[in-house]
């Protein structure tokens, strides 16, 4: 195969100390994974996303830094523009700015933040992305919206990536969020373990929104999020599956059934399963290994699966 496909290691900070994050990120960096992600969690026993990303940027060389995704309502967008530009500089141009409307009430209520209705939060997101892009690209940015504004704002140094770091918008709401994707996203992160048919349905909606806005939808990169359970042999996979069933307190049959939408099996089986999505036009995957992420799984996937797509 000669198709270039990108793989990001999807992980969260919950249950991981910084030594764990360093282990996974530095190994993924060495093995050639395209990106790694962290969640944006306020009301959780987890390291804060931006702080952890900045530290990990200093410990890695090639891997791209992808918050998946930032809650727009957690930080003023002018601050986010400054923080993201600084992280792009510190990392040598490796930021992918993942951002969403902020989907959960728990973090907001616990942290004393207001939680507007979905449609309003999406409009706030759209304004925020416009403001951030202006701040990234203009010497003195002025912006006046309903929710946010800038007045001759100086954001220096500018991001390394030109014209600006890619913006990833996460979410799948068809009426509001996917229109934001059509208007503002470079990368679209839709759902988890969706079938090809579901992807096509969502992208048809994005295309209609793009048509309304006069944008070419080919400029939006589509991602697929999936668990990966991989073992070198079928026997070793059975052992992993039995352990997964024990860890999740379900029967082995139910555990295997739960993997129906995942990438699971031997390397050869994983390649076959991924190829369906690649042939369907998806070339960027965020993969979620079982916690705690095993070094062996990172190595095996990189050497036997990733190598077939690059």
Protein backbone atom coordinates (compact mmCIF):
# COMPACT_ATOMS: atom_id res chain seq x y z
CA UNK A 1 0.00 0.00 0.00
CA UNK A 2 1.22 3.51 -0.77
CA UNK A 3 -1.59 5.55 0.79
CA UNK A 4 -0.41 8.10 3.36
CA UNK A 5 -2.49 7.77 6.48
CA UNK A 6 -2.02 9.59 9.79
CA UNK A 7 -2.46 8.03 13.22
CA UNK A 8 -2.83 9.94 16.46
CA UNK A 9 -2.69 8.39 19.92
CA UNK A 10 -5.89 9.40 21.68
CA UNK A 11 -5.44 9.52 25.43
CA UNK A 12 -6.77 11.33 28.45
CA UNK A 13 -5.10 12.45 31.64
CA UNK A 14 -7.60 10.78 33.99
CA UNK A 15 -5.73 8.09 35.89
CA UNK A 16 -2.35 9.09 34.43
CA UNK A 17 0.38 10.92 36.31
CA UNK A 18 2.92 12.98 34.39
CA UNK A 19 5.44 10.13 34.22
CA UNK A 20 2.76 8.05 32.45
CA UNK A 21 2.10 10.85 29.97
CA UNK A 22 5.82 11.24 29.30
CA UNK A 23 6.18 7.50 28.68
CA UNK A 24 3.38 7.35 26.13
CA UNK A 25 4.14 10.63 24.37
CA UNK A 26 7.89 10.13 24.02
CA UNK A 27 7.41 6.57 22.76
CA UNK A 28 4.74 7.68 20.28
CA UNK A 29 7.06 10.47 19.14
CA UNK A 30 9.92 8.02 18.60
CA UNK A 31 7.71 5.53 16.73
CA UNK A 32 6.42 8.09 14.23
CA UNK A 33 2.80 8.61 15.29
CA UNK A 34 1.43 11.77 13.72
CA UNK A 35 -0.14 13.25 16.85
CA UNK A 36 -1.17 12.63 20.42
CA UNK A 37 -4.10 14.10 22.29
CA UNK A 38 -5.18 15.18 25.74
CA UNK A 39 -8.64 15.96 27.05
CA UNK A 40 -9.67 19.36 28.43
CA UNK A 41 -10.96 18.57 31.91
CA UNK A 42 -11.58 21.02 34.75
CA UNK A 43 -13.65 19.06 37.26
CA UNK A 44 -11.59 15.87 37.28
CA UNK A 45 -8.49 14.43 38.99
CA UNK A 46 -6.35 15.14 35.93
CA UNK A 47 -3.58 17.47 34.84
CA UNK A 48 -4.76 20.65 33.12
CA UNK A 49 -4.63 20.27 29.35
CA UNK A 50 -2.61 23.32 28.23
CA UNK A 51 -0.07 23.03 31.04
CA UNK A 52 0.53 19.36 30.26
CA UNK A 53 0.75 19.99 26.50
CA UNK A 54 3.37 22.69 27.02
CA UNK A 55 5.50 20.37 29.14
CA UNK A 56 5.13 17.52 26.64
CA UNK A 57 6.07 19.83 23.78
CA UNK A 58 9.46 20.32 25.40
CA UNK A 59 9.98 16.56 25.71
CA UNK A 60 9.11 15.61 22.12
CA UNK A 61 10.43 16.50 18.68
CA UNK A 62 8.02 15.52 15.91
CA UNK A 63 4.63 14.50 17.23
CA UNK A 64 1.81 17.01 16.81
CA UNK A 65 0.05 18.37 19.90
CA UNK A 66 -3.72 18.01 19.72
CA UNK A 67 -6.11 18.96 22.52
CA UNK A 68 -9.19 16.86 21.79
CA UNK A 69 -10.98 19.13 22.33
CA UNK A 70 -10.74 22.38 24.26
CA UNK A 71 -13.95 23.71 25.75
CA UNK A 72 -14.38 27.15 24.23
CA UNK A 73 -16.32 28.32 27.28
CA UNK A 74 -13.42 27.59 29.67
CA UNK A 75 -11.09 30.39 28.52
CA UNK A 76 -11.51 33.81 26.86
CA UNK A 77 -10.67 33.35 23.16
CA UNK A 78 -8.10 36.17 23.24
CA UNK A 79 -6.24 34.20 25.92
CA UNK A 80 -6.61 31.01 23.89
CA UNK A 81 -5.18 32.79 20.85
CA UNK A 82 -2.14 33.87 22.86
CA UNK A 83 -1.64 30.48 24.52
CA UNK A 84 -1.98 28.57 21.25
CA UNK A 85 0.39 30.87 19.37
CA UNK A 86 2.95 30.46 22.15
CA UNK A 87 2.58 26.67 22.13
CA UNK A 88 3.04 26.58 18.35
CA UNK A 89 6.26 28.58 18.76
CA UNK A 90 7.54 26.49 21.67
CA UNK A 91 6.87 23.25 19.78
CA UNK A 92 8.36 24.41 16.49
CA UNK A 93 5.00 24.46 14.68
CA UNK A 94 3.34 21.28 15.94
CA UNK A 95 -0.02 22.48 17.28
CA UNK A 96 -3.40 21.26 16.01
CA UNK A 97 -5.94 23.44 17.81
CA UNK A 98 -8.83 21.15 18.72
CA UNK A 99 -11.79 23.12 20.01
CA UNK A 100 -15.47 22.54 20.64
CA UNK A 101 -18.52 24.30 21.99
CA UNK A 102 -18.18 22.72 25.45
CA UNK A 103 -20.59 19.83 25.72
CA UNK A 104 -20.87 18.91 29.39
CA UNK A 105 -22.68 20.61 32.25
CA UNK A 106 -20.54 19.03 34.98
CA UNK A 107 -17.32 20.98 34.42
CA UNK A 108 -19.24 24.23 34.01
CA UNK A 109 -21.38 23.96 37.11
CA UNK A 110 -18.56 22.71 39.32
CA UNK A 111 -16.25 25.48 38.11
CA UNK A 112 -18.75 28.33 38.34
CA UNK A 113 -19.04 28.77 34.58
CA UNK A 114 -22.27 29.58 32.79
CA UNK A 115 -23.61 26.94 30.40
CA UNK A 116 -25.69 28.52 27.63
CA UNK A 117 -27.97 26.47 25.35
CA UNK A 118 -26.32 24.49 22.54
CA UNK A 119 -27.15 26.90 19.71
CA UNK A 120 -25.71 29.82 21.65
CA UNK A 121 -22.55 27.93 22.58
CA UNK A 122 -22.03 27.07 18.91
CA UNK A 123 -22.37 30.73 17.94
CA UNK A 124 -19.85 31.57 20.65
CA UNK A 125 -17.52 28.93 19.21
CA UNK A 126 -17.78 30.40 15.73
CA UNK A 127 -16.95 33.87 17.01
CA UNK A 128 -14.07 32.51 19.05
CA UNK A 129 -12.49 30.75 16.05
CA UNK A 130 -12.84 33.90 13.93
CA UNK A 131 -11.23 35.96 16.67
CA UNK A 132 -8.39 33.47 17.20
CA UNK A 133 -7.55 33.34 13.49
CA UNK A 134 -7.49 37.14 13.28
CA UNK A 135 -5.26 37.31 16.33
CA UNK A 136 -2.92 34.73 14.81
CA UNK A 137 -2.60 36.43 11.43
CA UNK A 138 -3.02 40.21 11.84
CA UNK A 139 -0.44 42.62 13.35
CA UNK A 140 -3.15 44.42 15.33
CA UNK A 141 -6.41 42.51 15.39
CA UNK A 142 -9.79 44.13 15.82
CA UNK A 143 -12.92 42.06 16.15
CA UNK A 144 -16.42 42.93 17.25
CA UNK A 145 -18.92 40.15 17.81
CA UNK A 146 -21.94 39.56 19.98
CA UNK A 147 -19.95 37.61 22.58
CA UNK A 148 -16.30 38.55 22.08
CA UNK A 149 -14.23 41.50 20.90
CA UNK A 150 -10.68 42.67 20.26
CA UNK A 151 -9.39 46.21 19.86
CA UNK A 152 -6.00 46.63 18.17
CA UNK A 153 -4.83 43.47 19.93
CA UNK A 154 -1.18 42.48 19.47
CA UNK A 155 -0.42 38.74 19.61
CA UNK A 156 3.33 38.22 19.23
CA UNK A 157 5.15 36.06 18.47
CA UNK A 158 2.91 34.72 15.74
CA UNK A 159 2.43 30.96 15.27
CA UNK A 160 5.13 29.18 13.29
CA UNK A 161 2.64 27.44 10.97
CA UNK A 162 1.42 29.49 8.03
CA UNK A 163 -1.10 30.81 7.39
CA UNK A 164 -1.99 29.48 10.86
CA UNK A 165 -2.17 26.21 12.85
CA UNK A 166 -4.95 23.89 11.69
CA UNK A 167 -8.22 24.22 13.59
CA UNK A 168 -9.95 20.98 14.50
CA UNK A 169 -13.60 21.31 15.50
CA UNK A 170 -15.07 18.42 17.44
CA UNK A 171 -18.73 17.43 17.60
CA UNK A 172 -21.47 16.01 15.41
CA UNK A 173 -24.62 18.10 15.86
CA UNK A 174 -26.05 18.30 12.36
CA UNK A 175 -27.92 21.58 12.54
CA UNK A 176 -25.43 23.78 14.37
CA UNK A 177 -22.03 22.18 14.94
CA UNK A 178 -21.53 20.76 11.45
CA UNK A 179 -22.31 24.16 9.99
CA UNK A 180 -19.49 25.53 12.16
CA UNK A 181 -17.25 22.81 10.75
CA UNK A 182 -18.16 23.87 7.22
CA UNK A 183 -17.43 27.50 8.00
CA UNK A 184 -14.35 27.32 10.16
CA UNK A 185 -12.65 23.91 10.49
CA UNK A 186 -9.54 22.55 8.80
CA UNK A 187 -10.07 19.18 10.51
CA UNK A 188 -13.40 17.67 11.53
CA UNK A 189 -13.59 15.25 14.45
CA UNK A 190 -17.00 13.55 14.31
CA UNK A 191 -18.21 10.97 16.79
CA UNK A 192 -16.66 7.73 18.01
CA UNK A 193 -16.46 4.39 16.19
CA UNK A 194 -18.88 5.50 13.52
CA UNK A 195 -19.55 3.24 10.55
CA UNK A 196 -18.55 4.34 7.07
CA UNK A 197 -22.23 4.88 6.34
CA UNK A 198 -22.56 7.20 9.35
CA UNK A 199 -19.44 9.11 8.26
CA UNK A 200 -20.86 9.54 4.76
CA UNK A 201 -24.16 10.77 6.17
CA UNK A 202 -22.45 13.38 8.33
CA UNK A 203 -20.17 14.49 5.52
CA UNK A 204 -23.12 14.92 3.17
CA UNK A 205 -24.50 17.37 5.71
CA UNK A 206 -21.13 19.16 5.93
CA UNK A 207 -21.06 19.34 2.12
CA UNK A 208 -24.51 20.93 2.03
CA UNK A 209 -23.39 23.49 4.59
CA UNK A 210 -20.24 24.11 2.54
CA UNK A 211 -22.36 24.64 -0.57
CA UNK A 212 -24.43 27.20 1.31
CA UNK A 213 -21.27 28.98 2.44
CA UNK A 214 -19.43 28.73 -0.89
CA UNK A 215 -16.62 26.58 0.49
CA UNK A 216 -14.92 23.57 -1.10
CA UNK A 217 -15.46 20.66 1.34
CA UNK A 218 -12.26 18.97 0.16
CA UNK A 219 -10.40 21.47 2.34
CA UNK A 220 -11.76 19.79 5.47
CA UNK A 221 -9.90 16.71 6.72
CA UNK A 222 -12.10 14.02 8.27
CA UNK A 223 -10.97 11.94 11.24
CA UNK A 224 -12.12 8.62 12.65
CA UNK A 225 -11.97 7.80 16.37
CA UNK A 226 -11.66 4.17 17.38
CA UNK A 227 -10.40 1.82 20.03
CA UNK A 228 -7.55 -0.47 19.03
CA UNK A 229 -7.02 -3.85 20.67
CA UNK A 230 -4.09 -5.51 18.95
CA UNK A 231 -2.08 -8.69 19.56
CA UNK A 232 0.59 -10.44 17.53
CA UNK A 233 -1.34 -13.72 17.23
CA UNK A 234 -4.95 -14.82 17.49
CA UNK A 235 -4.13 -16.72 20.67
CA UNK A 236 -2.64 -13.58 22.25
CA UNK A 237 -5.70 -11.61 21.17
CA UNK A 238 -7.92 -14.12 22.97
CA UNK A 239 -5.86 -13.56 26.12
CA UNK A 240 -6.26 -9.78 25.76
CA UNK A 241 -9.98 -10.14 25.18
CA UNK A 242 -10.37 -12.30 28.28
CA UNK A 243 -8.52 -9.67 30.31
CA UNK A 244 -10.71 -6.92 28.83
CA UNK A 245 -13.83 -8.86 29.81
CA UNK A 246 -12.53 -9.24 33.36
CA UNK A 247 -11.56 -5.57 33.62
CA UNK A 248 -14.99 -4.41 32.44
CA UNK A 249 -16.91 -7.07 34.39
CA UNK A 250 -18.71 -8.53 31.38
CA UNK A 251 -18.72 -11.93 29.69
CA UNK A 252 -16.12 -12.67 27.03
CA UNK A 253 -18.87 -12.83 24.39
CA UNK A 254 -20.23 -9.43 25.42
CA UNK A 255 -16.75 -7.92 25.44
CA UNK A 256 -16.05 -9.16 21.92
CA UNK A 257 -19.43 -7.85 20.82
CA UNK A 258 -18.50 -4.45 22.26
CA UNK A 259 -15.50 -4.42 19.92
CA UNK A 260 -17.66 -4.67 16.81
CA UNK A 261 -17.00 -1.04 15.92
CA UNK A 262 -13.36 -1.07 17.02
CA UNK A 263 -10.14 -2.07 15.27
CA UNK A 264 -9.33 -5.38 16.90
CA UNK A 265 -7.32 -8.52 16.24
CA UNK A 266 -3.94 -9.39 14.77
CA UNK A 267 -1.98 -6.80 12.78
CA UNK A 268 -3.23 -8.28 9.52
CA UNK A 269 -6.84 -8.06 10.70
CA UNK A 270 -6.33 -4.47 11.89
CA UNK A 271 -4.94 -3.49 8.48
CA UNK A 272 -7.96 -5.02 6.75
CA UNK A 273 -10.40 -3.22 9.04
CA UNK A 274 -8.66 0.14 8.65
CA UNK A 275 -8.43 -0.26 4.88
CA UNK A 276 -12.21 -0.05 4.58
CA UNK A 277 -12.14 3.43 6.09
CA UNK A 278 -9.09 4.49 4.09
CA UNK A 279 -10.77 3.32 0.87
CA UNK A 280 -13.81 5.31 2.00
CA UNK A 281 -11.76 8.51 2.09
CA UNK A 282 -10.67 8.76 5.73
CA UNK A 283 -6.93 9.26 6.21
CA UNK A 284 -6.60 10.49 9.80
CA UNK A 285 -7.32 8.18 12.74
CA UNK A 286 -7.32 8.88 16.47
CA UNK A 287 -6.75 5.52 18.14
CA UNK A 288 -7.54 4.69 21.74
CA UNK A 289 -5.56 1.80 23.24
CA UNK A 290 -6.71 0.08 26.45
CA UNK A 291 -5.67 1.86 29.65
CA UNK A 292 -2.97 2.01 30.78
CA UNK A 293 -1.61 2.26 27.23
CA UNK A 294 0.83 -0.67 26.82
CA UNK A 295 4.26 -0.03 25.30
CA UNK A 296 3.86 -3.30 23.41
CA UNK A 297 0.66 -2.15 21.71
CA UNK A 298 2.22 1.14 20.64
CA UNK A 299 5.22 -0.73 19.19
CA UNK A 300 3.22 -3.45 17.46
CA UNK A 301 0.72 -1.07 15.88
CA UNK A 302 3.48 1.21 14.61
CA UNK A 303 5.66 -1.55 13.16
CA UNK A 304 2.99 -3.84 11.70
CA UNK A 305 0.00 -1.59 10.94
CA UNK A 306 1.13 2.01 10.47
CA UNK A 307 3.94 0.84 8.24
CA UNK A 308 1.36 -0.52 5.77
CA UNK A 309 -0.19 2.90 5.20
CA UNK A 310 2.82 5.20 4.81
